[in-house]
């Protein structure tokens, strides 16, 4: 039995972090972090504004944010990426737009699979104001 692909169609807009398992196709708008151990496809109509951290990603649409994948990152002909890439392997088709830096290979793969420290749960308090 194979895992099913989840689809967020082009009329879906999400503001907030998105987590999923297995495979996801996004064709709508996401503003926030996309995080998974699965495979992500950013469709032609998709607009993602935020970090992408997955096993692999194929980008047909627009991404504004860094991409960190443990395996493969593909930028298709009409893809637009404004952000950095860290991936095990990287494929960029002719016509894709990529503004950023890339780290590819074993070191990038190891960095992508490192656990990230948890975010603080309480905001830092402002420094006290001292009158001279």
N, C-alpha and C. Protein backbone atom coordinates (compact mmCIF):
# COMPACT_ATOMS: atom_id res chain seq x y z
N UNK A 1 0.85 -1.19 0.00
CA UNK A 1 0.00 0.00 0.00
C UNK A 1 0.89 1.23 0.00
N UNK A 2 0.71 2.15 -0.94
CA UNK A 2 1.52 3.36 -0.99
C UNK A 2 0.80 4.50 -0.27
N UNK A 3 1.62 5.44 0.20
CA UNK A 3 1.06 6.59 0.90
C UNK A 3 0.36 7.50 -0.11
N UNK A 4 -0.74 8.10 0.30
CA UNK A 4 -1.46 8.98 -0.61
C UNK A 4 -0.81 10.36 -0.64
N UNK A 5 -1.04 11.08 -1.73
CA UNK A 5 -0.53 12.45 -1.85
C UNK A 5 -1.62 13.40 -1.39
N UNK A 6 -1.24 14.31 -0.53
CA UNK A 6 -2.16 15.35 -0.07
C UNK A 6 -2.00 16.55 -1.00
N UNK A 7 -3.11 17.22 -1.29
CA UNK A 7 -3.08 18.37 -2.20
C UNK A 7 -3.76 19.57 -1.54
N UNK A 8 -3.06 20.71 -1.57
CA UNK A 8 -3.66 21.98 -1.19
C UNK A 8 -3.86 22.74 -2.49
N UNK A 9 -5.11 22.88 -2.94
CA UNK A 9 -5.38 23.46 -4.25
C UNK A 9 -5.13 24.96 -4.28
N UNK A 10 -5.25 25.55 -5.48
CA UNK A 10 -4.87 26.95 -5.66
C UNK A 10 -5.81 27.94 -4.97
N UNK A 11 -6.94 27.51 -4.44
CA UNK A 11 -7.81 28.43 -3.71
C UNK A 11 -7.58 28.37 -2.20
N UNK A 12 -6.54 27.66 -1.77
CA UNK A 12 -6.23 27.54 -0.34
C UNK A 12 -5.14 28.53 0.04
N UNK A 13 -5.37 29.27 1.15
CA UNK A 13 -4.36 30.18 1.70
C UNK A 13 -4.18 29.83 3.16
N UNK A 14 -2.92 29.64 3.56
CA UNK A 14 -2.61 29.30 4.95
C UNK A 14 -1.60 30.31 5.48
N UNK A 15 -1.91 30.87 6.64
CA UNK A 15 -0.96 31.72 7.34
C UNK A 15 -0.65 31.00 8.64
N UNK A 16 0.59 30.53 8.76
CA UNK A 16 0.99 29.75 9.92
C UNK A 16 1.88 28.61 9.49
N UNK A 17 2.40 27.87 10.44
CA UNK A 17 3.32 26.79 10.13
C UNK A 17 2.55 25.56 9.67
N UNK A 18 3.14 24.83 8.73
CA UNK A 18 2.50 23.66 8.14
C UNK A 18 3.41 22.45 8.32
N UNK A 19 2.86 21.38 8.91
CA UNK A 19 3.59 20.13 9.06
C UNK A 19 2.79 19.03 8.39
N UNK A 20 3.50 18.09 7.75
CA UNK A 20 2.82 16.97 7.10
C UNK A 20 3.75 15.77 7.08
N UNK A 21 3.17 14.61 6.75
CA UNK A 21 3.95 13.39 6.56
C UNK A 21 3.77 12.94 5.13
N UNK A 22 4.67 12.13 4.64
CA UNK A 22 4.61 11.54 3.31
C UNK A 22 4.76 12.60 2.22
N UNK A 23 3.75 12.77 1.34
CA UNK A 23 3.85 13.66 0.19
C UNK A 23 2.79 14.75 0.25
N UNK A 24 3.18 15.97 -0.16
CA UNK A 24 2.24 17.08 -0.21
C UNK A 24 2.48 17.88 -1.48
N UNK A 25 1.39 18.24 -2.15
CA UNK A 25 1.44 19.14 -3.30
C UNK A 25 0.74 20.43 -2.89
N UNK A 26 1.47 21.53 -2.97
CA UNK A 26 0.89 22.84 -2.64
C UNK A 26 0.69 23.59 -3.95
N UNK A 27 -0.52 24.06 -4.19
CA UNK A 27 -0.77 24.89 -5.35
C UNK A 27 -1.39 26.22 -4.92
N UNK A 28 -1.50 26.43 -3.61
CA UNK A 28 -2.08 27.65 -3.07
C UNK A 28 -1.01 28.56 -2.49
N UNK A 29 -1.40 29.34 -1.47
CA UNK A 29 -0.48 30.30 -0.85
C UNK A 29 -0.23 29.89 0.60
N UNK A 30 1.04 29.87 0.97
CA UNK A 30 1.45 29.54 2.33
C UNK A 30 2.34 30.67 2.83
N UNK A 31 2.04 31.17 4.01
CA UNK A 31 2.91 32.14 4.66
C UNK A 31 3.27 31.57 6.02
N UNK A 32 4.48 31.02 6.12
CA UNK A 32 4.94 30.37 7.34
C UNK A 32 5.87 29.22 6.99
N UNK A 33 6.36 28.55 8.01
CA UNK A 33 7.31 27.47 7.80
C UNK A 33 6.60 26.19 7.36
N UNK A 34 7.21 25.48 6.40
CA UNK A 34 6.71 24.19 5.94
C UNK A 34 7.75 23.16 6.38
N UNK A 35 7.32 22.19 7.19
CA UNK A 35 8.25 21.26 7.82
C UNK A 35 7.75 19.83 7.67
N UNK A 36 8.63 18.92 7.22
CA UNK A 36 8.22 17.53 7.04
C UNK A 36 9.42 16.62 6.81
N UNK A 37 9.22 15.33 7.08
CA UNK A 37 10.19 14.32 6.70
C UNK A 37 9.81 13.74 5.34
N UNK A 38 8.81 14.32 4.70
CA UNK A 38 8.30 13.81 3.43
C UNK A 38 8.76 14.62 2.25
N UNK A 39 8.04 14.45 1.13
CA UNK A 39 8.36 15.09 -0.14
C UNK A 39 7.35 16.19 -0.43
N UNK A 40 7.84 17.34 -0.85
CA UNK A 40 6.99 18.49 -1.13
C UNK A 40 7.09 18.85 -2.60
N UNK A 41 5.93 19.15 -3.21
CA UNK A 41 5.89 19.73 -4.55
C UNK A 41 5.23 21.09 -4.44
N UNK A 42 5.93 22.13 -4.88
CA UNK A 42 5.38 23.49 -4.91
C UNK A 42 4.89 23.70 -6.34
N UNK A 43 3.57 23.69 -6.52
CA UNK A 43 2.95 23.74 -7.84
C UNK A 43 3.13 25.07 -8.55
N UNK A 44 2.73 25.10 -9.84
CA UNK A 44 2.89 26.29 -10.68
C UNK A 44 2.20 27.52 -10.12
N UNK A 45 1.04 27.35 -9.49
CA UNK A 45 0.29 28.48 -8.94
C UNK A 45 0.68 28.81 -7.51
N UNK A 46 1.54 28.01 -6.91
CA UNK A 46 1.88 28.15 -5.49
C UNK A 46 2.76 29.36 -5.23
N UNK A 47 2.54 29.95 -4.05
CA UNK A 47 3.37 31.05 -3.54
C UNK A 47 3.66 30.70 -2.09
N UNK A 48 4.92 30.42 -1.78
CA UNK A 48 5.32 30.08 -0.42
C UNK A 48 6.23 31.18 0.09
N UNK A 49 5.85 31.77 1.23
CA UNK A 49 6.66 32.81 1.85
C UNK A 49 7.05 32.30 3.23
N UNK A 50 8.25 31.72 3.32
CA UNK A 50 8.73 31.14 4.57
C UNK A 50 9.71 30.03 4.31
N UNK A 51 10.25 29.49 5.38
CA UNK A 51 11.25 28.43 5.28
C UNK A 51 10.59 27.11 4.87
N UNK A 52 11.31 26.33 4.06
CA UNK A 52 10.89 24.98 3.71
C UNK A 52 11.95 24.03 4.23
N UNK A 53 11.54 23.07 5.07
CA UNK A 53 12.45 22.07 5.61
C UNK A 53 11.80 20.71 5.43
N UNK A 54 12.24 19.98 4.39
CA UNK A 54 11.64 18.68 4.06
C UNK A 54 12.72 17.70 3.63
N UNK A 55 12.27 16.48 3.30
CA UNK A 55 13.20 15.47 2.77
C UNK A 55 13.62 15.85 1.35
N UNK A 56 12.64 16.19 0.51
CA UNK A 56 12.93 16.63 -0.85
C UNK A 56 11.86 17.63 -1.30
N UNK A 57 12.21 18.45 -2.28
CA UNK A 57 11.26 19.43 -2.79
C UNK A 57 11.46 19.61 -4.28
N UNK A 58 10.33 19.76 -4.99
CA UNK A 58 10.33 20.11 -6.41
C UNK A 58 9.54 21.41 -6.50
N UNK A 59 10.16 22.46 -7.07
CA UNK A 59 9.53 23.78 -7.12
C UNK A 59 9.17 24.13 -8.56
N UNK A 60 7.87 24.33 -8.79
CA UNK A 60 7.37 24.82 -10.07
C UNK A 60 6.94 26.28 -9.93
N UNK A 61 6.56 26.70 -8.72
CA UNK A 61 6.02 28.04 -8.45
C UNK A 61 7.05 28.97 -7.83
N UNK A 62 6.59 29.82 -6.89
CA UNK A 62 7.44 30.85 -6.29
C UNK A 62 7.65 30.56 -4.81
N UNK A 63 8.91 30.69 -4.39
CA UNK A 63 9.27 30.51 -2.98
C UNK A 63 10.11 31.70 -2.55
N UNK A 64 9.71 32.31 -1.44
CA UNK A 64 10.46 33.41 -0.84
C UNK A 64 10.87 32.96 0.55
N UNK A 65 12.06 32.38 0.65
CA UNK A 65 12.55 31.84 1.91
C UNK A 65 13.57 30.76 1.63
N UNK A 66 14.26 30.33 2.67
CA UNK A 66 15.30 29.32 2.51
C UNK A 66 14.71 27.92 2.40
N UNK A 67 15.40 27.08 1.62
CA UNK A 67 15.01 25.68 1.46
C UNK A 67 16.12 24.81 2.05
N UNK A 68 15.75 23.92 2.97
CA UNK A 68 16.69 22.97 3.56
C UNK A 68 16.11 21.58 3.39
N UNK A 69 16.77 20.74 2.59
CA UNK A 69 16.29 19.38 2.36
C UNK A 69 17.44 18.39 2.58
N UNK A 70 17.09 17.21 3.08
CA UNK A 70 18.11 16.20 3.33
C UNK A 70 18.49 15.47 2.05
N UNK A 71 17.59 15.45 1.07
CA UNK A 71 17.89 14.72 -0.17
C UNK A 71 17.98 15.68 -1.35
N UNK A 72 16.93 15.77 -2.18
CA UNK A 72 17.01 16.47 -3.47
C UNK A 72 16.14 17.71 -3.52
N UNK A 73 16.69 18.77 -4.14
CA UNK A 73 15.94 19.99 -4.43
C UNK A 73 15.97 20.19 -5.94
N UNK A 74 14.79 20.37 -6.54
CA UNK A 74 14.69 20.61 -7.98
C UNK A 74 13.97 21.93 -8.22
N UNK A 75 14.57 22.80 -9.02
CA UNK A 75 13.93 24.03 -9.45
C UNK A 75 13.58 23.84 -10.92
N UNK A 76 12.29 23.80 -11.22
CA UNK A 76 11.82 23.59 -12.59
C UNK A 76 11.89 24.90 -13.39
N UNK A 77 11.63 24.82 -14.69
CA UNK A 77 11.86 25.94 -15.61
C UNK A 77 11.20 27.25 -15.21
N UNK A 78 9.99 27.23 -14.67
CA UNK A 78 9.30 28.47 -14.30
C UNK A 78 9.41 28.80 -12.82
N UNK A 79 10.23 28.08 -12.09
CA UNK A 79 10.37 28.30 -10.64
C UNK A 79 11.06 29.63 -10.36
N UNK A 80 10.68 30.25 -9.23
CA UNK A 80 11.34 31.45 -8.74
C UNK A 80 11.66 31.22 -7.27
N UNK A 81 12.93 31.30 -6.92
CA UNK A 81 13.35 31.15 -5.53
C UNK A 81 14.19 32.33 -5.11
N UNK A 82 13.75 33.00 -4.04
CA UNK A 82 14.50 34.07 -3.43
C UNK A 82 14.85 33.58 -2.02
N UNK A 83 16.01 32.95 -1.91
CA UNK A 83 16.44 32.37 -0.64
C UNK A 83 17.58 31.41 -0.88
N UNK A 84 18.12 30.88 0.19
CA UNK A 84 19.26 29.97 0.12
C UNK A 84 18.79 28.52 0.07
N UNK A 85 19.62 27.66 -0.50
CA UNK A 85 19.34 26.23 -0.59
C UNK A 85 20.44 25.46 0.11
N UNK A 86 20.03 24.48 0.92
CA UNK A 86 20.95 23.50 1.49
C UNK A 86 20.35 22.14 1.18
N UNK A 87 21.07 21.34 0.36
CA UNK A 87 20.49 20.08 -0.12
C UNK A 87 21.57 19.05 -0.39
N UNK A 88 21.16 17.78 -0.35
CA UNK A 88 22.07 16.70 -0.73
C UNK A 88 22.41 16.79 -2.21
N UNK A 89 21.39 16.98 -3.06
CA UNK A 89 21.61 17.21 -4.49
C UNK A 89 20.71 18.35 -4.95
N UNK A 90 21.13 19.03 -6.01
CA UNK A 90 20.40 20.18 -6.52
C UNK A 90 20.33 20.11 -8.04
N UNK A 91 19.13 20.31 -8.59
CA UNK A 91 18.94 20.36 -10.04
C UNK A 91 18.18 21.63 -10.37
N UNK A 92 18.75 22.43 -11.28
CA UNK A 92 18.11 23.68 -11.69
C UNK A 92 17.92 23.65 -13.20
N UNK A 93 16.66 23.70 -13.64
CA UNK A 93 16.37 23.69 -15.07
C UNK A 93 16.59 25.07 -15.67
N UNK A 94 16.89 25.09 -16.96
CA UNK A 94 17.03 26.35 -17.68
C UNK A 94 15.72 27.12 -17.59
N UNK A 95 15.82 28.41 -17.27
CA UNK A 95 14.64 29.25 -17.14
C UNK A 95 14.25 29.50 -15.69
N UNK A 96 14.72 28.69 -14.77
CA UNK A 96 14.43 28.91 -13.35
C UNK A 96 15.16 30.15 -12.86
N UNK A 97 14.55 30.87 -11.92
CA UNK A 97 15.17 32.05 -11.32
C UNK A 97 15.55 31.71 -9.88
N UNK A 98 16.83 31.91 -9.55
CA UNK A 98 17.35 31.57 -8.22
C UNK A 98 18.23 32.72 -7.74
N UNK A 99 17.78 33.39 -6.69
CA UNK A 99 18.54 34.48 -6.07
C UNK A 99 18.88 34.04 -4.66
N UNK A 100 20.13 33.63 -4.44
CA UNK A 100 20.54 33.18 -3.12
C UNK A 100 21.82 32.37 -3.22
N UNK A 101 22.17 31.72 -2.14
CA UNK A 101 23.37 30.88 -2.08
C UNK A 101 22.94 29.43 -1.97
N UNK A 102 23.85 28.53 -2.36
CA UNK A 102 23.52 27.11 -2.24
C UNK A 102 24.67 26.35 -1.59
N UNK A 103 24.30 25.34 -0.80
CA UNK A 103 25.23 24.39 -0.20
C UNK A 103 24.72 23.02 -0.59
N UNK A 104 25.56 22.26 -1.29
CA UNK A 104 25.12 20.98 -1.82
C UNK A 104 26.14 19.91 -1.49
N UNK A 105 25.66 18.70 -1.17
CA UNK A 105 26.56 17.58 -0.92
C UNK A 105 26.43 17.03 0.47
N UNK A 106 27.42 16.24 0.87
CA UNK A 106 27.38 15.53 2.15
C UNK A 106 27.29 16.48 3.34
N UNK A 107 28.04 17.58 3.31
CA UNK A 107 28.02 18.53 4.44
C UNK A 107 26.64 19.18 4.58
N UNK A 108 26.04 19.55 3.44
CA UNK A 108 24.71 20.15 3.47
C UNK A 108 23.68 19.14 3.95
N UNK A 109 23.81 17.88 3.52
CA UNK A 109 22.89 16.82 3.94
C UNK A 109 22.97 16.63 5.46
N UNK A 110 24.19 16.62 6.00
CA UNK A 110 24.36 16.44 7.44
C UNK A 110 23.77 17.62 8.21
N UNK A 111 23.98 18.83 7.67
CA UNK A 111 23.42 20.02 8.33
C UNK A 111 21.89 19.98 8.33
N UNK A 112 21.31 19.53 7.22
CA UNK A 112 19.85 19.50 7.10
C UNK A 112 19.22 18.49 8.04
N UNK A 113 19.94 17.43 8.37
CA UNK A 113 19.36 16.40 9.22
C UNK A 113 19.64 16.62 10.70
N UNK A 114 20.42 17.64 11.05
CA UNK A 114 20.67 17.95 12.46
C UNK A 114 19.38 18.45 13.11
N UNK A 115 19.10 17.99 14.34
CA UNK A 115 17.92 18.52 15.03
C UNK A 115 18.12 19.98 15.38
N UNK A 116 17.08 20.75 15.21
CA UNK A 116 17.13 22.18 15.52
C UNK A 116 16.73 22.39 16.98
N UNK A 117 17.35 23.38 17.65
CA UNK A 117 16.95 23.65 19.03
C UNK A 117 15.52 24.17 19.06
N UNK A 118 14.76 23.82 20.12
CA UNK A 118 13.37 24.29 20.18
C UNK A 118 13.32 25.80 20.33
N UNK A 119 12.24 26.38 19.82
CA UNK A 119 12.05 27.82 19.95
C UNK A 119 11.69 28.16 21.38
N UNK A 120 12.11 29.32 21.88
CA UNK A 120 11.73 29.70 23.25
C UNK A 120 10.22 29.86 23.36
N UNK A 121 9.67 29.46 24.50
CA UNK A 121 8.23 29.53 24.69
C UNK A 121 7.79 30.88 25.25
N UNK A 122 8.68 31.59 25.89
CA UNK A 122 8.32 32.91 26.42
C UNK A 122 9.23 33.95 25.77
N UNK A 123 8.67 35.10 25.41
CA UNK A 123 9.49 36.13 24.79
C UNK A 123 10.46 36.73 25.81
N UNK A 124 11.62 37.18 25.36
CA UNK A 124 12.56 37.80 26.30
C UNK A 124 11.99 39.11 26.83
N UNK A 125 12.33 39.40 28.08
CA UNK A 125 11.84 40.64 28.69
C UNK A 125 12.75 41.79 28.27
N UNK A 126 12.17 42.99 28.09
CA UNK A 126 13.00 44.13 27.72
C UNK A 126 13.93 44.50 28.86
N UNK A 127 15.07 45.08 28.50
CA UNK A 127 16.04 45.52 29.51
C UNK A 127 15.44 46.67 30.31
N UNK A 128 15.76 46.75 31.61
CA UNK A 128 15.22 47.84 32.42
C UNK A 128 15.80 49.17 31.97
N UNK A 129 14.99 50.22 32.09
CA UNK A 129 15.43 51.56 31.73
C UNK A 129 16.11 52.18 32.95
N UNK A 130 17.32 52.66 32.76
CA UNK A 130 18.08 53.25 33.85
C UNK A 130 18.22 54.73 33.57
N UNK A 131 17.76 55.55 34.52
CA UNK A 131 17.88 57.00 34.37
C UNK A 131 19.20 57.45 34.99
N UNK A 132 20.00 58.23 34.25
CA UNK A 132 21.30 58.68 34.79
C UNK A 132 21.17 59.71 35.88
